[in-house]
Amino acid sequence: ILLLMADDLGIGDLGCYGNTTMSTPNIDRLAREGVKLTQHLAAASVCSPSRAAFLTGRYPIRSGMTSSFNMNRALAWLGGSGGLPTNETTFATLLQQRGYRTGLIGKWHLGLSCASRNDHCFHPLNHGFDYFYGPPHTMLNDCQLSKTPELHRDLRTKLWISSVTLGLVPALLLVPTIVGWYPVPWTVVAVAAVGALLFFASWYSSYGFVRRWNCILMKNHEIIQQPMEEERVTSLMLREALAFIERNKHGPFLLYVSFLHVRAPLLTTEESVGHSKHGSYGDNVEEMDWMTGKIIDVIDKESLRFNTLVYFTSDNGGHLESQDQTSQLGGWNGIYKGGKGMGGWEGGIRVPGIFRWPGVLPASVVIDEPTSLMDIYPTVTFLGGGTLPRNRVIDGRNLFPLLRGEVNQSGHEFLFHYCGTHLHAIRWHQKDCGTVWKAHYVTPKFTPPEAGACYGSQLCPCSGEVNQHDPPLLFDLSRDPREAETLTPDNEALFDAVVAKMAEAVREHRERLSPAPQQFSFFNSLWKPWLQPCCGNFPFCGCDKEDNDSRISGHNP
């Protein structure tokens, strides 16, 4: 089983989903040789909660992988104390129990340690993976020295202003003495100076070293680069993915390749720069497609083609607000409104869903049924001969009968679309007639109002400056996937009945939720020096244990 997940890829970035100016021949080949889902949905519009749902088959609110406040909707620090709870069972664990060799190559971003630097309670190897190689956190602009810092950018600006202001206080206290108005005790000046220095140190010790603290590379439990060398990481990821397949080709394996592409800072090797028509973002997408092709080529070359399920997706939609002064750095979501960070609009949650398994799944089939990333959990568990846990709610549904053409409808009647802990929208698949209704209870306030995104911010907020809708905005996605034509009691006779049906589904859904500790709470989100992974003696962390020769031959995307 080979699972490929892009980071922040827009569904409209791929040729097989309608893009005519981006070259993605290898991913397009997967769609041509397999099954393409057109209404494949992430359980969250940002990475950590979406990936938690993918691995567990459960809405992230069930595992506490959500936030009730806007600043930290995903894990901010590798040295924080939140992560995928140890009592959650991933599909990797279930397949590991069935004798599969399980590997994760690439981004994790589901936490690392709980109480001490090396306890690694949230580490991939403690969540069912036999082998891990990659960054345990995520990619950020901070990982590249030439880029504008990204992590808590607005907060960091305020902290700088506050530090400068406090730093001026000791100097201002000296003015009365110098001018001769009245003497100010030196102890007062000293206390003000020490206070300003302590305030600066309290935040700069974390935010001043984001690249060193967050941007590291690990092999299993060992740090091998701190900070990681961004110009080499693509070749290293590909090398490790190919090597895992070679090592395990004679037995059952599960390989989850979690690409660092195509999230900013868009780490693209020199050989790929300038190949696309869409600047650095297009170069990054096309390099990811090339990497996908190299991995698929090894599957086919090793005669694994007819006994390997290949799946390709993205964790959420393209990031519309990711820009620099000259170009767009985030993806294109095609005809769909909104993007990453928006809890309900299709552009943030509708993602590619491609399955290839020659001889088992049909070729060139397109399925429009509502499906979810959470469905991968029961699907791969079924294929691996595992048994789903019975002591918890599993929200995903086994897709295999749908992919095989044995049934015509997915197992989902309702799907709930969260933004943090806030329910923003609900989707109802009315199976007796095939209509897919969608109601929005909350939508973001775009800036500018008609822009379709929250430009000037990193993400649209989940609460606060949002639009509340009562009655909800209602759409018929079967006829209007763009969510352009709002239905009302005046133009839709079923409006009241549909809204009432959805309200009842929301009530029943909430009754089945059990409280879970918030992993993105304020305390968990704080950087903690005693949890910070360190290669060397803290705080003097740094190492490079990788071979310099990590190139993959034939790099010609």
Protein backbone atom coordinates (compact mmCIF):
# COMPACT_ATOMS: atom_id res chain seq x y z
CA ILE A 1 0.00 0.00 0.00
CA LEU A 2 1.50 3.33 -1.10
CA LEU A 3 -0.10 6.55 0.16
CA LEU A 4 1.09 9.86 -1.31
CA MET A 5 0.03 13.13 0.32
CA ALA A 6 0.88 16.60 -0.95
CA ASP A 7 0.95 19.62 1.35
CA ASP A 8 -1.44 22.50 0.50
CA LEU A 9 -1.96 21.36 -3.11
CA GLY A 10 -4.97 22.92 -4.81
CA ILE A 11 -7.27 20.52 -6.63
CA GLY A 12 -7.05 22.79 -9.66
CA ASP A 13 -3.27 22.41 -9.88
CA LEU A 14 -3.42 18.99 -11.56
CA GLY A 15 -3.99 18.25 -15.21
CA CYS A 16 -6.38 15.41 -14.40
CA TYR A 17 -8.58 17.90 -12.51
CA GLY A 18 -8.69 20.40 -15.34
CA ASN A 19 -5.42 22.33 -15.26
CA THR A 20 -4.12 22.97 -18.78
CA THR A 21 -1.02 25.03 -17.96
CA MET A 22 0.71 22.91 -15.28
CA SER A 23 2.55 19.76 -16.33
CA THR A 24 1.66 16.83 -14.03
CA PRO A 25 1.94 13.78 -16.33
CA ASN A 26 2.75 11.24 -13.62
CA ILE A 27 -0.17 12.08 -11.34
CA ASP A 28 -2.39 12.31 -14.41
CA ARG A 29 -1.23 8.80 -15.36
CA LEU A 30 -2.38 7.49 -11.97
CA ALA A 31 -5.84 8.93 -12.65
CA ARG A 32 -5.89 7.51 -16.17
CA GLU A 33 -4.94 4.05 -14.90
CA GLY A 34 -7.26 4.14 -11.91
CA VAL A 35 -10.19 5.81 -10.17
CA LYS A 36 -10.53 9.57 -9.68
CA LEU A 37 -12.75 11.02 -6.96
CA THR A 38 -14.14 14.48 -7.66
CA GLN A 39 -15.76 15.15 -4.25
CA HIS A 40 -12.95 13.96 -1.98
CA LEU A 41 -12.92 16.00 1.24
CA ALA A 42 -10.42 16.78 3.96
CA ALA A 43 -11.76 16.68 7.51
CA ALA A 44 -10.10 20.04 8.21
CA SER A 45 -8.75 22.86 6.08
CA VAL A 46 -5.34 23.02 7.81
CA CYS A 47 -2.65 20.39 8.12
CA SER A 48 -2.34 18.98 11.66
CA PRO A 49 -6.07 18.28 12.23
CA SER A 50 -6.52 17.04 8.65
CA ARG A 51 -3.61 14.62 8.98
CA ALA A 52 -4.84 13.43 12.37
CA ALA A 53 -8.22 12.60 10.83
CA PHE A 54 -6.52 10.87 7.89
CA LEU A 55 -4.49 8.59 10.16
CA THR A 56 -7.29 7.81 12.64
CA GLY A 57 -10.45 7.87 10.51
CA ARG A 58 -12.03 10.26 13.02
CA TYR A 59 -13.02 13.91 13.02
CA PRO A 60 -10.17 15.84 14.67
CA ILE A 61 -12.52 17.20 17.32
CA ARG A 62 -12.84 13.64 18.69
CA SER A 63 -9.10 13.43 19.39
CA GLY A 64 -8.70 17.02 20.58
CA MET A 65 -6.68 17.95 17.48
CA THR A 66 -8.51 21.26 17.25
CA SER A 67 -8.30 24.75 18.67
CA SER A 68 -10.95 27.09 20.04
CA PHE A 69 -8.81 30.16 19.30
CA ASN A 70 -7.47 31.37 16.00
CA MET A 71 -3.73 31.76 16.53
CA ASN A 72 -2.82 28.09 16.83
CA ARG A 73 -5.00 25.91 14.59
CA ALA A 74 -2.09 23.54 13.98
CA LEU A 75 0.98 22.66 16.01
CA ALA A 76 3.21 25.74 16.15
CA TRP A 77 6.36 24.44 17.88
CA LEU A 78 8.24 21.18 17.74
CA GLY A 79 9.11 21.99 21.34
CA GLY A 80 5.43 22.23 22.29
CA SER A 81 3.53 19.64 24.29
CA GLY A 82 0.55 18.85 22.03
CA GLY A 83 0.21 16.03 19.54
CA LEU A 84 -1.81 13.09 18.29
CA PRO A 85 -2.92 11.46 21.57
CA THR A 86 -1.28 8.18 22.47
CA ASN A 87 -4.68 6.52 22.90
CA GLU A 88 -5.53 7.10 19.23
CA THR A 89 -4.99 4.09 16.94
CA THR A 90 -3.67 4.85 13.46
CA PHE A 91 -4.09 2.65 10.40
CA ALA A 92 -0.31 2.13 10.56
CA THR A 93 -0.74 0.45 13.94
CA LEU A 94 -3.49 -1.83 12.64
CA LEU A 95 -1.44 -2.90 9.61
CA GLN A 96 1.70 -3.29 11.69
CA GLN A 97 -0.24 -5.78 13.80
CA ARG A 98 -1.04 -7.68 10.59
CA GLY A 99 2.64 -8.09 9.70
CA TYR A 100 3.05 -5.09 7.41
CA ARG A 101 6.31 -3.14 7.41
CA THR A 102 5.19 0.44 7.87
CA GLY A 103 7.11 3.55 6.90
CA LEU A 104 6.60 7.31 6.90
CA ILE A 105 8.82 9.41 4.68
CA GLY A 106 8.33 13.17 4.95
CA LYS A 107 6.35 15.57 7.09
CA TRP A 108 4.72 14.41 10.35
CA HIS A 109 3.42 17.57 12.13
CA LEU A 110 1.50 15.65 14.79
CA GLY A 111 3.71 16.37 17.77
CA LEU A 112 6.82 14.82 19.29
CA SER A 113 7.21 14.84 23.08
CA CYS A 114 4.98 15.13 26.14
CA ALA A 115 7.00 15.70 29.31
CA SER A 116 10.70 15.49 28.45
CA ARG A 117 12.89 16.15 25.44
CA ASN A 118 13.38 12.52 24.52
CA ASP A 119 10.15 10.80 25.55
CA HIS A 120 8.87 11.07 21.94
CA CYS A 121 5.37 10.05 23.03
CA PHE A 122 3.81 11.43 19.82
CA HIS A 123 6.58 10.20 17.51
CA PRO A 124 5.59 8.25 14.37
CA LEU A 125 7.34 5.15 15.76
CA ASN A 126 4.90 5.29 18.68
CA HIS A 127 1.96 5.54 16.30
CA GLY A 128 2.48 2.39 14.28
CA PHE A 129 5.36 3.20 11.95
CA ASP A 130 8.43 0.96 11.86
CA TYR A 131 10.52 3.56 10.06
CA PHE A 132 10.48 7.34 9.92
CA TYR A 133 12.59 9.73 7.92
CA GLY A 134 11.69 13.38 7.58
CA PRO A 135 10.89 16.59 9.44
CA PRO A 136 8.84 15.82 12.56
CA HIS A 137 7.29 19.28 12.27
CA THR A 138 6.28 21.18 9.12
CA MET A 139 7.82 23.47 6.55
CA LEU A 140 7.72 27.21 7.20
CA ASN A 141 9.12 30.26 5.47
CA ASP A 142 11.29 30.49 8.58
CA CYS A 143 13.09 27.34 7.39
CA GLN A 144 14.72 29.34 4.59
CA LEU A 145 16.92 32.25 5.59
CA SER A 146 16.02 34.26 2.51
CA LYS A 147 12.26 34.21 3.21
CA THR A 148 10.11 36.52 5.32
CA PRO A 149 9.32 34.86 8.68
CA GLU A 150 5.94 33.16 8.79
CA LEU A 151 5.30 31.69 12.25
CA HIS A 152 3.01 34.04 14.21
CA ARG A 153 4.13 36.88 11.96
CA ASP A 154 1.70 39.48 13.31
CA LEU A 155 2.43 38.58 16.93
CA ARG A 156 6.15 38.76 16.27
CA THR A 157 5.78 42.27 14.85
CA LYS A 158 3.93 43.36 17.99
CA LEU A 159 6.62 41.81 20.20
CA TRP A 160 9.34 43.70 18.33
CA ILE A 161 7.45 46.98 18.74
CA SER A 162 6.90 46.27 22.44
CA SER A 163 10.58 45.42 22.93
CA VAL A 164 11.72 48.63 21.26
CA THR A 165 9.24 50.63 23.35
CA LEU A 166 10.40 49.02 26.60
CA GLY A 167 14.01 49.49 25.54
CA LEU A 168 13.44 53.23 25.28
CA VAL A 169 12.11 53.47 28.85
CA PRO A 170 15.55 53.37 30.60
CA ALA A 171 16.83 56.08 28.26
CA LEU A 172 13.78 58.24 28.90
CA LEU A 173 14.21 57.80 32.64
CA LEU A 174 17.67 59.35 32.34
CA VAL A 175 16.36 62.52 30.69
CA PRO A 176 15.25 64.31 33.91
CA THR A 177 18.67 63.69 35.48
CA ILE A 178 20.61 64.81 32.40
CA VAL A 179 18.50 67.96 31.91
CA GLY A 180 18.66 68.75 35.62
CA TRP A 181 14.98 68.63 36.42
CA TYR A 182 15.20 66.00 39.15
CA PRO A 183 17.33 62.93 39.82
CA VAL A 184 15.99 59.47 38.96
CA PRO A 185 17.47 56.71 41.15
CA TRP A 186 19.86 54.46 39.25
CA THR A 187 18.08 51.43 40.69
CA VAL A 188 14.88 52.47 38.87
CA VAL A 189 16.79 52.83 35.60
CA ALA A 190 18.49 49.47 36.16
CA VAL A 191 15.20 47.70 36.93
CA ALA A 192 13.64 49.15 33.76
CA ALA A 193 16.64 48.06 31.68
CA VAL A 194 16.64 44.55 33.14
CA GLY A 195 12.88 44.29 32.63
CA ALA A 196 13.19 45.30 28.98
CA LEU A 197 16.02 42.81 28.47
CA LEU A 198 14.09 39.98 30.14
CA PHE A 199 11.00 40.70 28.05
CA PHE A 200 13.07 40.60 24.86
CA ALA A 201 14.81 37.38 25.89
CA SER A 202 11.50 35.73 26.86
CA TRP A 203 10.22 35.77 23.29
CA TYR A 204 13.36 36.05 21.17
CA SER A 205 14.72 32.80 22.63
CA SER A 206 11.97 31.03 20.70
CA TYR A 207 10.96 33.27 17.79
CA GLY A 208 14.52 34.34 17.08
CA PHE A 209 15.58 30.76 16.33
CA VAL A 210 12.57 29.19 14.58
CA ARG A 211 14.73 27.65 11.86
CA ARG A 212 16.93 25.89 14.40
CA TRP A 213 14.09 24.81 16.69
CA ASN A 214 11.44 23.72 14.15
CA CYS A 215 13.22 22.91 10.90
CA ILE A 216 15.02 19.67 11.68
CA LEU A 217 15.38 16.29 10.01
CA MET A 218 15.06 12.99 11.88
CA LYS A 219 15.71 9.35 11.11
CA ASN A 220 13.62 7.28 13.49
CA HIS A 221 14.42 8.80 16.91
CA GLU A 222 17.71 10.43 15.90
CA ILE A 223 18.19 14.01 14.75
CA ILE A 224 20.37 13.94 11.65
CA GLN A 225 20.19 17.59 10.56
CA GLN A 226 19.55 20.63 12.73
CA PRO A 227 18.64 22.83 11.00
CA MET A 228 17.83 20.85 7.87
CA GLU A 229 19.56 21.81 4.63
CA GLU A 230 16.68 22.94 2.47
CA GLU A 231 18.57 22.54 -0.80
CA ARG A 232 19.09 18.81 -0.15
CA VAL A 233 15.87 17.75 1.54
CA THR A 234 13.99 16.87 -1.67
CA SER A 235 16.67 14.44 -2.81
CA LEU A 236 16.88 12.93 0.66
CA MET A 237 13.12 12.33 0.85
CA LEU A 238 13.07 10.65 -2.55
CA ARG A 239 16.10 8.54 -1.78
CA GLU A 240 14.49 7.26 1.40
CA ALA A 241 11.14 6.49 -0.25
CA LEU A 242 12.79 4.45 -3.00
CA ALA A 243 15.03 2.66 -0.50
CA PHE A 244 12.06 1.69 1.69
CA ILE A 245 10.32 0.06 -1.27
CA GLU A 246 13.50 -1.80 -2.24
CA ARG A 247 14.01 -3.08 1.32
CA ASN A 248 10.45 -4.30 1.74
CA LYS A 249 9.42 -5.41 -1.75
CA HIS A 250 9.30 -9.09 -0.82
CA GLY A 251 6.63 -8.67 1.87
CA PRO A 252 3.55 -6.60 2.66
CA PHE A 253 4.35 -2.96 3.30
CA LEU A 254 2.59 0.33 3.93
CA LEU A 255 4.52 3.40 2.81
CA TYR A 256 3.11 6.84 3.57
CA VAL A 257 5.01 9.50 1.59
CA SER A 258 4.14 12.89 3.06
CA PHE A 259 5.60 15.38 0.59
CA LEU A 260 7.09 18.68 1.75
CA HIS A 261 5.82 20.00 -1.59
CA VAL A 262 3.93 22.27 -2.30
CA ARG A 263 3.84 24.37 0.85
CA ALA A 264 5.82 27.58 1.24
CA PRO A 265 8.78 28.08 1.31
CA LEU A 266 8.54 25.92 -1.84
CA LEU A 267 11.79 23.99 -1.52
CA THR A 268 12.66 23.23 -5.13
CA THR A 269 15.95 21.82 -6.37
CA GLU A 270 18.00 23.86 -8.79
CA GLU A 271 17.30 21.41 -11.61
CA SER A 272 13.55 22.13 -11.41
CA VAL A 273 13.69 25.91 -11.20
CA GLY A 274 12.29 27.72 -14.22
CA HIS A 275 10.55 24.72 -15.81
CA SER A 276 6.93 25.76 -15.26
CA LYS A 277 4.71 28.58 -16.46
CA HIS A 278 3.74 29.49 -12.90
CA GLY A 279 6.93 30.63 -11.23
CA SER A 280 8.28 29.05 -8.07
CA TYR A 281 4.94 27.48 -7.14
CA GLY A 282 4.56 25.81 -10.52
CA ASP A 283 8.17 24.59 -10.38
CA ASN A 284 7.44 23.00 -7.01
CA VAL A 285 4.27 21.28 -8.23
CA GLU A 286 6.02 19.89 -11.27
CA GLU A 287 8.94 18.64 -9.17
CA MET A 288 6.49 16.83 -6.89
CA ASP A 289 4.94 15.22 -9.95
CA TRP A 290 8.40 14.13 -11.07
CA MET A 291 9.07 12.60 -7.63
CA THR A 292 5.73 10.79 -7.84
CA GLY A 293 6.79 9.37 -11.19
CA LYS A 294 10.09 8.11 -9.79
CA ILE A 295 8.29 6.31 -6.96
CA ILE A 296 5.69 4.77 -9.28
CA ASP A 297 8.45 3.68 -11.67
CA VAL A 298 10.09 1.69 -8.88
CA ILE A 299 6.76 0.07 -7.98
CA ASP A 300 6.32 -0.99 -11.61
CA LYS A 301 9.96 -2.00 -12.14
CA GLU A 302 9.93 -4.26 -9.09
CA SER A 303 6.84 -6.10 -10.39
CA LEU A 304 4.69 -4.61 -7.62
CA ARG A 305 2.28 -2.91 -10.01
CA PHE A 306 -0.48 -5.50 -9.78
CA ASN A 307 -0.39 -6.01 -6.02
CA THR A 308 0.05 -2.42 -4.81
CA LEU A 309 -2.69 0.10 -4.12
CA VAL A 310 -1.43 3.62 -4.88
CA TYR A 311 -3.34 6.60 -3.50
CA PHE A 312 -2.65 10.30 -4.08
CA THR A 313 -4.21 13.25 -2.25
CA SER A 314 -3.53 16.56 -0.47
CA ASP A 315 -4.08 17.43 3.19
CA ASN A 316 -6.18 20.51 2.35
CA GLY A 317 -6.79 23.04 -0.39
CA GLY A 318 -4.43 25.62 -1.81
CA HIS A 319 -3.32 28.54 0.36
CA LEU A 320 -4.68 31.64 -1.36
CA GLU A 321 -3.12 34.12 1.08
CA SER A 322 0.39 32.76 0.50
CA GLN A 323 2.01 35.45 -1.64
CA ASP A 324 5.09 37.58 -1.94
CA GLN A 325 5.53 40.95 -3.60
CA THR A 326 5.60 39.50 -7.11
CA SER A 327 3.84 36.13 -7.25
CA GLN A 328 1.30 33.69 -5.86
CA LEU A 329 2.95 31.07 -3.63
CA GLY A 330 -0.17 29.03 -2.89
CA GLY A 331 -2.27 26.70 -4.98
CA TRP A 332 -5.27 27.08 -7.26
CA ASN A 333 -8.54 25.50 -6.17
CA GLY A 334 -10.15 25.45 -9.58
CA ILE A 335 -13.81 26.40 -9.70
CA TYR A 336 -14.22 26.06 -5.93
CA LYS A 337 -14.67 29.01 -3.59
CA GLY A 338 -12.19 29.66 -0.79
CA GLY A 339 -9.02 27.90 0.24
CA LYS A 340 -6.83 26.65 3.07
CA GLY A 341 -7.99 27.68 6.52
CA MET A 342 -11.64 28.14 5.55
CA GLY A 343 -13.69 25.59 7.41
CA GLY A 344 -16.63 25.24 5.04
CA TRP A 345 -15.97 26.56 1.54
CA GLU A 346 -15.13 23.83 -0.96
CA GLY A 347 -11.78 25.31 -1.97
CA GLY A 348 -10.32 24.64 1.47
CA ILE A 349 -11.45 21.04 1.81
CA ARG A 350 -12.05 19.52 -1.65
CA VAL A 351 -8.81 17.73 -2.54
CA PRO A 352 -7.53 15.27 -5.15
CA GLY A 353 -8.39 11.63 -4.56
CA ILE A 354 -6.78 9.14 -6.95
CA PHE A 355 -6.55 5.35 -6.55
CA ARG A 356 -4.60 3.02 -8.83
CA TRP A 357 -4.46 -0.77 -8.59
CA PRO A 358 -4.27 -2.41 -12.03
CA GLY A 359 -6.23 -5.62 -12.29
CA VAL A 360 -8.22 -4.86 -9.14
CA LEU A 361 -9.62 -1.37 -9.68
CA PRO A 362 -11.01 -0.22 -13.04
CA ALA A 363 -9.13 2.32 -15.14
CA SER A 364 -10.26 5.81 -16.19
CA VAL A 365 -13.24 5.82 -13.83
CA VAL A 366 -14.57 9.05 -12.31
CA ILE A 367 -16.69 8.99 -9.12
CA ASP A 368 -18.60 12.07 -7.97
CA GLU A 369 -19.82 10.69 -4.63
CA PRO A 370 -18.91 12.53 -1.38
CA THR A 371 -15.90 10.82 0.18
CA SER A 372 -13.42 11.77 2.88
CA LEU A 373 -9.74 11.46 3.75
CA MET A 374 -11.06 9.70 6.85
CA ASP A 375 -12.19 6.86 4.56
CA ILE A 376 -8.58 5.78 3.99
CA TYR A 377 -8.49 4.40 7.55
CA PRO A 378 -11.19 1.72 7.14
CA THR A 379 -10.21 1.12 3.51
CA VAL A 380 -6.57 0.22 4.11
CA THR A 381 -7.50 -1.62 7.30
CA PHE A 382 -9.87 -3.79 5.26
CA LEU A 383 -7.25 -4.39 2.56
CA GLY A 384 -4.66 -5.30 5.18
CA GLY A 385 -6.95 -7.79 6.88
CA GLY A 386 -7.21 -5.73 10.05
CA THR A 387 -10.17 -5.09 12.35
CA LEU A 388 -11.47 -1.64 13.16
CA PRO A 389 -11.40 -0.66 16.85
CA ARG A 390 -14.77 -1.16 18.51
CA ASN A 391 -14.18 1.12 21.49
CA ARG A 392 -14.48 4.38 19.54
CA VAL A 393 -16.45 6.05 16.78
CA ILE A 394 -14.87 5.67 13.33
CA ASP A 395 -16.19 8.36 10.98
CA GLY A 396 -14.57 7.01 7.80
CA ARG A 397 -16.20 4.47 5.49
CA ASN A 398 -14.60 1.64 3.52
CA LEU A 399 -14.27 2.92 -0.04
CA PHE A 400 -13.29 -0.37 -1.65
CA PRO A 401 -16.79 -1.44 -2.77
CA LEU A 402 -17.33 2.02 -4.29
CA LEU A 403 -13.95 2.00 -6.05
CA ARG A 404 -14.65 -1.47 -7.45
CA GLY A 405 -18.06 -0.46 -8.76
CA GLU A 406 -19.86 -2.90 -6.46
CA VAL A 407 -21.98 -0.06 -5.02
CA ASN A 408 -22.98 3.27 -6.51
CA GLN A 409 -23.05 5.42 -3.38
CA SER A 410 -20.53 6.20 -0.66
CA GLY A 411 -21.32 5.35 2.93
CA HIS A 412 -21.69 9.00 3.97
CA GLU A 413 -25.09 10.56 4.48
CA PHE A 414 -23.77 13.57 6.41
CA LEU A 415 -20.31 15.13 6.55
CA PHE A 416 -19.47 17.87 9.05
CA HIS A 417 -17.04 20.65 8.22
CA TYR A 418 -15.20 22.17 11.17
CA CYS A 419 -12.95 25.18 11.57
CA GLY A 420 -11.10 24.45 14.80
CA THR A 421 -13.77 23.52 17.34
CA HIS A 422 -16.42 25.51 15.45
CA LEU A 423 -18.83 23.74 13.10
CA HIS A 424 -18.96 25.90 9.99
CA ALA A 425 -20.90 23.74 7.53
CA ILE A 426 -22.65 20.42 6.95
CA ARG A 427 -23.14 18.34 3.80
CA TRP A 428 -26.15 16.04 3.28
CA HIS A 429 -26.08 13.39 0.59
CA GLN A 430 -29.78 12.76 -0.03
CA LYS A 431 -29.45 9.25 -1.34
CA ASP A 432 -33.00 8.73 -2.58
CA CYS A 433 -32.46 11.38 -5.26
CA GLY A 434 -28.67 11.85 -5.35
CA THR A 435 -28.75 15.52 -4.38
CA VAL A 436 -25.88 16.85 -2.26
CA TRP A 437 -27.00 19.76 -0.10
CA LYS A 438 -24.63 21.97 1.85
CA ALA A 439 -25.45 24.46 4.59
CA HIS A 440 -23.03 27.08 5.94
CA TYR A 441 -23.60 28.28 9.49
CA VAL A 442 -20.42 30.37 9.56
CA THR A 443 -18.32 31.82 6.73
CA PRO A 444 -15.20 34.01 6.81
CA LYS A 445 -15.27 37.73 6.13
CA PHE A 446 -13.13 38.14 3.04
CA THR A 447 -10.73 41.09 2.78
CA PRO A 448 -11.36 42.84 0.47
CA PRO A 449 -15.03 41.78 0.66
CA GLU A 450 -15.22 40.22 -2.82
CA ALA A 451 -11.66 38.84 -2.87
CA GLY A 452 -12.51 35.25 -1.97
CA ALA A 453 -9.73 35.16 0.66
CA CYS A 454 -8.48 36.99 3.74
CA TYR A 455 -5.61 38.90 2.18
CA GLY A 456 -3.47 40.70 4.72
CA SER A 457 -3.82 37.76 7.13
CA GLN A 458 -2.14 34.38 7.06
CA LEU A 459 -5.48 32.55 7.31
CA CYS A 460 -9.14 33.42 7.65
CA PRO A 461 -10.22 33.12 11.30
CA CYS A 462 -12.63 30.47 12.59
CA SER A 463 -14.35 32.81 15.04
CA GLY A 464 -14.54 36.49 15.89
CA GLU A 465 -14.50 38.40 12.58
CA VAL A 466 -16.76 35.93 10.75
CA ASN A 467 -20.25 35.91 9.24
CA GLN A 468 -22.92 34.02 11.21
CA HIS A 469 -25.86 32.71 9.15
CA ASP A 470 -29.30 31.97 10.61
CA PRO A 471 -30.90 30.53 8.59
CA PRO A 472 -27.78 28.99 7.06
CA LEU A 473 -26.56 29.61 3.54
CA LEU A 474 -27.86 26.66 1.53
CA PHE A 475 -26.45 25.30 -1.74
CA ASP A 476 -27.21 22.37 -4.00
CA LEU A 477 -23.70 21.12 -4.82
CA SER A 478 -25.11 18.66 -7.35
CA ARG A 479 -26.03 21.59 -9.60
CA ASP A 480 -23.83 24.32 -8.15
CA PRO A 481 -20.39 23.04 -7.04
CA ARG A 482 -19.08 26.63 -7.21
CA GLU A 483 -21.41 27.58 -4.33
CA ALA A 484 -22.48 30.62 -6.32
CA GLU A 485 -26.30 30.38 -6.13
CA THR A 486 -27.64 30.72 -2.59
CA LEU A 487 -30.96 28.92 -2.09
CA THR A 488 -33.79 30.54 -0.15
CA PRO A 489 -37.39 29.65 0.72
CA ASP A 490 -38.37 31.76 -2.29
CA ASN A 491 -36.40 29.78 -4.88
CA GLU A 492 -36.23 26.33 -3.25
CA ALA A 493 -39.43 24.63 -2.10
CA LEU A 494 -37.49 22.14 0.05
CA PHE A 495 -35.49 24.82 1.88
CA ASP A 496 -37.15 24.49 5.29
CA ALA A 497 -37.23 20.68 5.19
CA VAL A 498 -33.57 20.42 4.17
CA VAL A 499 -32.38 22.91 6.80
CA ALA A 500 -34.41 21.11 9.49
CA LYS A 501 -32.97 17.73 8.46
CA MET A 502 -29.45 19.11 8.69
CA ALA A 503 -30.10 20.73 12.07
CA GLU A 504 -31.27 17.37 13.42
CA ALA A 505 -28.12 15.69 12.03
CA VAL A 506 -25.93 18.31 13.75
CA ARG A 507 -27.74 17.72 17.05
CA GLU A 508 -27.26 13.95 16.82
CA HIS A 509 -23.61 14.39 15.83
CA ARG A 510 -22.89 16.61 18.80
CA GLU A 511 -24.55 14.15 21.15
CA ARG A 512 -22.01 11.52 20.03
CA LEU A 513 -19.00 13.74 20.77
CA SER A 514 -17.02 13.05 23.92
CA PRO A 515 -14.82 15.74 25.50
CA ALA A 516 -11.14 15.45 24.60
CA PRO A 517 -8.22 17.58 25.86
CA GLN A 518 -7.36 20.28 23.33
CA GLN A 519 -3.94 19.50 21.93
CA PHE A 520 -3.60 23.05 20.57
CA SER A 521 -4.43 24.75 23.87
CA PHE A 522 -2.53 27.89 24.87
CA PHE A 523 -0.26 25.94 27.22
CA ASN A 524 0.44 23.14 24.75
CA SER A 525 1.20 25.71 22.07
CA LEU A 526 3.92 27.43 24.08
CA TRP A 527 7.54 26.69 23.21
CA LYS A 528 9.11 24.77 26.09
CA PRO A 529 12.93 24.62 26.23
CA TRP A 530 12.85 21.29 28.09
CA LEU A 531 10.90 19.69 25.22
CA GLN A 532 13.02 21.14 22.42
CA PRO A 533 14.78 18.40 20.41
CA CYS A 534 18.47 19.15 20.32
CA CYS A 535 21.41 17.63 18.49
CA GLY A 536 24.23 18.62 20.84
CA ASN A 537 24.10 20.43 24.16
CA PHE A 538 21.08 22.69 24.54
CA PRO A 539 20.89 25.53 23.56
CA PHE A 540 23.88 25.02 21.23
CA CYS A 541 22.00 22.63 18.95
CA GLY A 542 23.24 21.76 15.51
CA CYS A 543 24.49 18.83 13.43
CA ASP A 544 24.58 17.27 9.98
CA LYS A 545 24.95 13.50 9.96
CA GLU A 546 23.81 12.98 6.36
CA ASP A 547 25.99 11.91 3.45
CA ASN A 548 26.71 14.69 1.01
CA ASP A 549 25.95 12.37 -1.91
CA SER A 550 22.17 12.19 -1.76
CA ARG A 551 21.26 13.03 -5.33
CA ILE A 552 18.89 10.86 -7.36
CA SER A 553 20.01 10.35 -10.92
CA GLY A 554 17.85 11.35 -13.85
CA HIS A 555 16.48 14.54 -12.34
CA ASN A 556 14.74 16.05 -15.32
CA PRO A 557 11.19 17.04 -14.41
